Amino acid sequence: STPSNSSAASDVYKRQRSTDHHDINTALFLREIATELKNAKDITLIDDKLQIALRTDLITYEYVHNRIVRKVNGEGYIIMLEDIKKGVFFIEDEHLYISLQSKNESHAKKYQVL
């Protein structure tokens, strides 16, 4: 095969992989939240932030500087998702959702959290 063909195929593969990578990270993020919600004593939505009160800790998920981060008791943070243009938690028809728009997407996707 010629180098140009190989290079073009490689570019398509990289693009595909980057999309899959984002989808997999999103799926893992949603699963993490779902697990915490099962153990939640209380769930609060304040200023697009999701707060989950567990038995001893208060977990906060929020959009900060193109990332969705997770904080425990307001201290430090773990990056859950990166390259996010917009991330908003909201309630609709008694269900909890997050609207996510990654940097390379033209519009946001809505995911049901609870």
Protein backbone atom coordinates (compact mmCIF):
# COMPACT_ATOMS: atom_id res chain seq x y z
CA SER A 1 0.00 0.00 0.00
CA THR A 2 1.15 3.54 -0.62
CA PRO A 3 2.06 5.77 2.31
CA SER A 4 -0.75 8.21 1.44
CA ASN A 5 -3.40 5.48 1.70
CA SER A 6 -1.95 4.25 4.95
CA SER A 7 -1.85 7.80 6.33
CA ALA A 8 -5.47 8.53 5.36
CA ALA A 9 -6.65 5.27 6.92
CA SER A 10 -4.64 6.09 10.02
CA ASP A 11 -6.29 9.54 10.29
CA VAL A 12 -9.77 8.01 10.06
CA TYR A 13 -8.80 5.43 12.68
CA LYS A 14 -7.49 8.15 15.03
CA ARG A 15 -10.66 10.19 14.62
CA GLN A 16 -12.82 7.15 15.28
CA ARG A 17 -10.74 6.24 18.31
CA SER A 18 -11.01 9.73 19.77
CA THR A 19 -14.82 9.59 19.47
CA ASP A 20 -14.95 6.13 21.05
CA HIS A 21 -12.62 7.33 23.79
CA HIS A 22 -15.02 10.18 24.68
CA ASP A 23 -18.04 7.85 24.63
CA ILE A 24 -16.31 5.29 26.85
CA ASN A 25 -15.26 7.98 29.34
CA THR A 26 -18.80 9.33 29.38
CA ALA A 27 -20.21 5.84 30.02
CA LEU A 28 -17.75 5.27 32.88
CA PHE A 29 -18.59 8.70 34.33
CA LEU A 30 -22.33 7.97 34.23
CA ARG A 31 -21.79 4.56 35.85
CA GLU A 32 -19.73 6.14 38.65
CA ILE A 33 -22.52 8.65 39.38
CA ALA A 34 -25.19 5.92 39.23
CA THR A 35 -23.28 3.90 41.83
CA GLU A 36 -23.06 6.89 44.16
CA LEU A 37 -26.72 7.76 43.66
CA LYS A 38 -27.71 4.26 44.83
CA ASN A 39 -26.04 5.00 48.18
CA ALA A 40 -27.26 8.59 48.38
CA LYS A 41 -29.01 9.89 51.48
CA ASP A 42 -29.89 13.11 49.67
CA ILE A 43 -29.48 14.55 46.16
CA THR A 44 -29.41 18.28 45.48
CA LEU A 45 -29.07 20.34 42.32
CA ILE A 46 -27.61 23.83 42.89
CA ASP A 47 -26.42 26.13 40.08
CA ASP A 48 -26.04 23.26 37.58
CA LYS A 49 -23.98 21.35 40.19
CA LEU A 50 -24.98 17.90 41.40
CA GLN A 51 -24.52 17.27 45.12
CA ILE A 52 -24.83 13.76 46.50
CA ALA A 53 -24.92 13.34 50.26
CA LEU A 54 -23.55 9.95 51.24
CA ARG A 55 -23.43 8.68 54.80
CA THR A 56 -20.24 10.55 55.71
CA ASP A 57 -19.30 12.60 52.62
CA LEU A 58 -20.78 15.24 50.35
CA ILE A 59 -19.88 14.54 46.72
CA THR A 60 -20.15 17.39 44.21
CA TYR A 61 -20.03 17.04 40.43
CA GLU A 62 -19.63 20.26 38.49
CA TYR A 63 -18.44 21.80 35.25
CA VAL A 64 -15.20 23.77 35.72
CA HIS A 65 -12.80 24.97 33.00
CA ASN A 66 -13.84 22.56 30.23
CA ARG A 67 -13.99 19.61 32.64
CA ILE A 68 -16.51 17.77 34.75
CA VAL A 69 -14.91 17.39 38.16
CA ARG A 70 -15.80 15.46 41.30
CA LYS A 71 -15.13 16.93 44.73
CA VAL A 72 -15.42 15.24 48.11
CA ASN A 73 -16.50 17.57 50.92
CA GLY A 74 -15.52 20.57 48.79
CA GLU A 75 -11.82 19.70 48.87
CA GLY A 76 -9.56 19.04 45.90
CA TYR A 77 -11.05 17.41 42.83
CA ILE A 78 -10.81 14.52 40.41
CA ILE A 79 -11.25 15.16 36.70
CA MET A 80 -14.07 12.92 35.47
CA LEU A 81 -14.37 14.22 31.90
CA GLU A 82 -12.16 16.55 29.86
CA ASP A 83 -12.56 18.60 26.66
CA ILE A 84 -16.12 19.52 27.56
CA LYS A 85 -17.46 22.76 26.10
CA LYS A 86 -20.58 22.71 28.25
CA GLY A 87 -21.84 20.50 31.09
CA VAL A 88 -25.12 21.07 32.91
CA PHE A 89 -27.09 18.90 35.34
CA PHE A 90 -30.85 19.42 35.23
CA ILE A 91 -34.17 17.82 36.17
CA GLU A 92 -36.87 17.11 33.62
CA ASP A 93 -40.03 15.04 34.16
CA GLU A 94 -38.75 13.92 37.58
CA HIS A 95 -35.54 12.51 36.10
CA LEU A 96 -32.00 13.78 36.53
CA TYR A 97 -30.01 14.47 33.36
CA ILE A 98 -26.68 15.87 32.34
CA SER A 99 -26.29 17.76 29.10
CA LEU A 100 -22.75 17.40 27.74
CA GLN A 101 -21.15 19.02 24.74
CA SER A 102 -17.59 18.00 23.99
CA LYS A 103 -15.25 20.42 22.25
CA ASN A 104 -15.51 18.61 18.91
CA GLU A 105 -19.32 18.30 18.87
CA SER A 106 -21.61 20.90 17.35
CA HIS A 107 -24.41 20.29 19.84
CA ALA A 108 -24.93 18.88 23.34
CA LYS A 109 -26.07 15.34 24.11
CA LYS A 110 -28.51 14.62 26.91
CA TYR A 111 -27.84 11.64 29.20
CA GLN A 112 -30.21 10.35 31.86
CA VAL A 113 -28.44 10.00 35.21
CA LEU A 114 -31.37 8.96 37.41
